[in-house]
Amino acid sequence: MLEHNEIYRAIGELAYVIAKAGDGTQLEEKKAFFEIIEAELKFNAWSAESRFEILDEKVHPTLEHAYNDAMHEFKIHKSVLTPQLKETTLKVIKKVAAAYHPSEVKDFIIDRLEKDLKTL
């Protein structure tokens, strides 16, 4: 079960990457993130929410560093990264990207994520 929590935290980290890829996170954007993550991850949303909050309020990593950390977690725990979890990851990230201002950087990140998830 711990492995699943790490996957959900990685989803939160990817959502942070998408949120920061635009103008940075704003209060309305954070509210949208929490609504999306709770709707998609239900009981497991707390893992993604806590990771997003820590990154946004305390750590402030670069987008590349946060993305690579998330992918590292996916690779470490790929035994529990089911096709359904991959689909949920993409669904959450695309919804978070749509909730914020569109940008080419977000589109690039989503394309990269789709390719990277296929290799796992």
Protein backbone atom coordinates (compact mmCIF):
# COMPACT_ATOMS: atom_id res chain seq x y z
CA MET A 1 0.00 0.00 0.00
CA LEU A 2 2.94 2.31 0.64
CA GLU A 3 3.87 2.01 -3.03
CA HIS A 4 0.46 3.31 -4.05
CA ASN A 5 0.89 6.36 -1.80
CA GLU A 6 4.17 7.12 -3.56
CA ILE A 7 2.40 6.94 -6.92
CA TYR A 8 -0.28 9.37 -5.68
CA ARG A 9 2.41 11.71 -4.35
CA ALA A 10 4.08 11.60 -7.77
CA ILE A 11 0.75 12.56 -9.36
CA GLY A 12 0.63 15.55 -6.99
CA GLU A 13 4.16 16.45 -8.02
CA LEU A 14 3.22 16.32 -11.71
CA ALA A 15 0.18 18.49 -11.01
CA TYR A 16 2.53 20.97 -9.34
CA VAL A 17 4.71 20.96 -12.47
CA ILE A 18 1.69 21.72 -14.66
CA ALA A 19 0.46 24.44 -12.31
CA LYS A 20 3.87 26.13 -12.18
CA ALA A 21 4.37 25.86 -15.94
CA GLY A 22 2.01 28.79 -16.45
CA ASP A 23 1.96 31.91 -14.31
CA GLY A 24 2.68 30.05 -11.08
CA THR A 25 -0.02 28.86 -8.75
CA GLN A 26 -2.79 31.20 -7.68
CA LEU A 27 -5.46 30.63 -5.05
CA GLU A 28 -8.13 29.81 -7.66
CA GLU A 29 -5.79 27.37 -9.34
CA LYS A 30 -5.07 25.59 -6.07
CA LYS A 31 -8.80 25.25 -5.41
CA ALA A 32 -9.27 23.75 -8.88
CA PHE A 33 -6.39 21.32 -8.27
CA PHE A 34 -7.92 20.13 -4.99
CA GLU A 35 -11.34 19.64 -6.59
CA ILE A 36 -9.85 17.66 -9.48
CA ILE A 37 -7.63 15.50 -7.33
CA GLU A 38 -10.43 14.70 -4.87
CA ALA A 39 -12.80 13.79 -7.70
CA GLU A 40 -10.25 11.55 -9.42
CA LEU A 41 -8.35 9.98 -6.52
CA LYS A 42 -11.12 9.96 -3.90
CA PHE A 43 -9.75 8.60 -0.59
CA ASN A 44 -6.17 8.68 -1.89
CA ALA A 45 -6.26 12.38 -2.73
CA TRP A 46 -4.52 13.33 0.52
CA SER A 47 -1.19 11.94 -0.72
CA ALA A 48 -1.24 14.06 -3.86
CA GLU A 49 -2.56 17.10 -2.00
CA SER A 50 0.12 16.99 0.67
CA ARG A 51 2.90 16.63 -1.93
CA PHE A 52 1.56 19.57 -3.95
CA GLU A 53 1.35 21.75 -0.82
CA ILE A 54 4.87 20.91 0.35
CA LEU A 55 6.33 21.70 -3.06
CA ASP A 56 4.33 24.89 -3.46
CA GLU A 57 4.81 26.30 0.03
CA LYS A 58 8.24 25.06 1.11
CA VAL A 59 10.44 23.41 -1.49
CA HIS A 60 9.87 25.31 -4.79
CA PRO A 61 11.79 22.91 -7.07
CA THR A 62 12.44 23.64 -10.71
CA LEU A 63 9.90 22.14 -13.11
CA GLU A 64 12.51 19.74 -14.47
CA HIS A 65 13.52 18.57 -10.99
CA ALA A 66 9.91 18.01 -9.88
CA TYR A 67 9.08 16.17 -13.12
CA ASN A 68 12.14 13.94 -12.81
CA ASP A 69 11.34 13.17 -9.16
CA ALA A 70 7.82 12.11 -10.11
CA MET A 71 9.08 9.90 -12.94
CA HIS A 72 11.66 8.38 -10.60
CA GLU A 73 8.85 7.39 -8.19
CA PHE A 74 6.90 5.85 -11.07
CA LYS A 75 9.95 3.82 -12.10
CA ILE A 76 10.69 2.64 -8.56
CA HIS A 77 7.08 1.57 -8.02
CA LYS A 78 6.22 0.47 -11.55
CA SER A 79 5.04 -2.88 -10.22
CA VAL A 80 1.92 -1.11 -8.88
CA LEU A 81 1.67 1.44 -11.70
CA THR A 82 -1.19 -0.26 -13.50
CA PRO A 83 -2.59 0.87 -16.85
CA GLN A 84 -5.53 2.28 -14.88
CA LEU A 85 -3.20 4.36 -12.67
CA LYS A 86 -1.36 5.60 -15.76
CA GLU A 87 -4.69 6.61 -17.27
CA THR A 88 -5.73 8.33 -14.03
CA THR A 89 -2.41 10.17 -13.94
CA LEU A 90 -2.90 11.52 -17.44
CA LYS A 91 -6.53 12.38 -16.75
CA VAL A 92 -5.62 14.38 -13.62
CA ILE A 93 -2.74 16.19 -15.29
CA LYS A 94 -4.80 17.10 -18.35
CA LYS A 95 -7.64 18.39 -16.16
CA VAL A 96 -5.23 20.43 -14.05
CA ALA A 97 -3.67 21.87 -17.22
CA ALA A 98 -7.13 22.77 -18.56
CA ALA A 99 -8.04 24.51 -15.29
CA TYR A 100 -5.14 26.94 -15.67
CA HIS A 101 -4.10 29.19 -18.52
CA PRO A 102 -3.11 27.15 -21.58
CA SER A 103 0.52 27.23 -22.66
CA GLU A 104 2.92 25.46 -24.99
CA VAL A 105 5.01 24.44 -21.99
CA LYS A 106 2.06 22.56 -20.49
CA ASP A 107 1.38 20.87 -23.81
CA PHE A 108 5.04 19.85 -24.00
CA ILE A 109 4.94 18.43 -20.46
CA ILE A 110 1.79 16.44 -21.20
CA ASP A 111 3.29 15.04 -24.42
CA ARG A 112 6.45 14.11 -22.56
CA LEU A 113 4.47 12.46 -19.77
CA GLU A 114 2.42 10.41 -22.23
CA LYS A 115 5.63 9.15 -23.88
CA ASP A 116 7.36 8.48 -20.57
CA LEU A 117 4.41 6.54 -19.14
CA LYS A 118 4.32 4.33 -22.23
CA THR A 119 7.89 3.24 -21.56
CA LEU A 120 7.11 2.08 -18.02
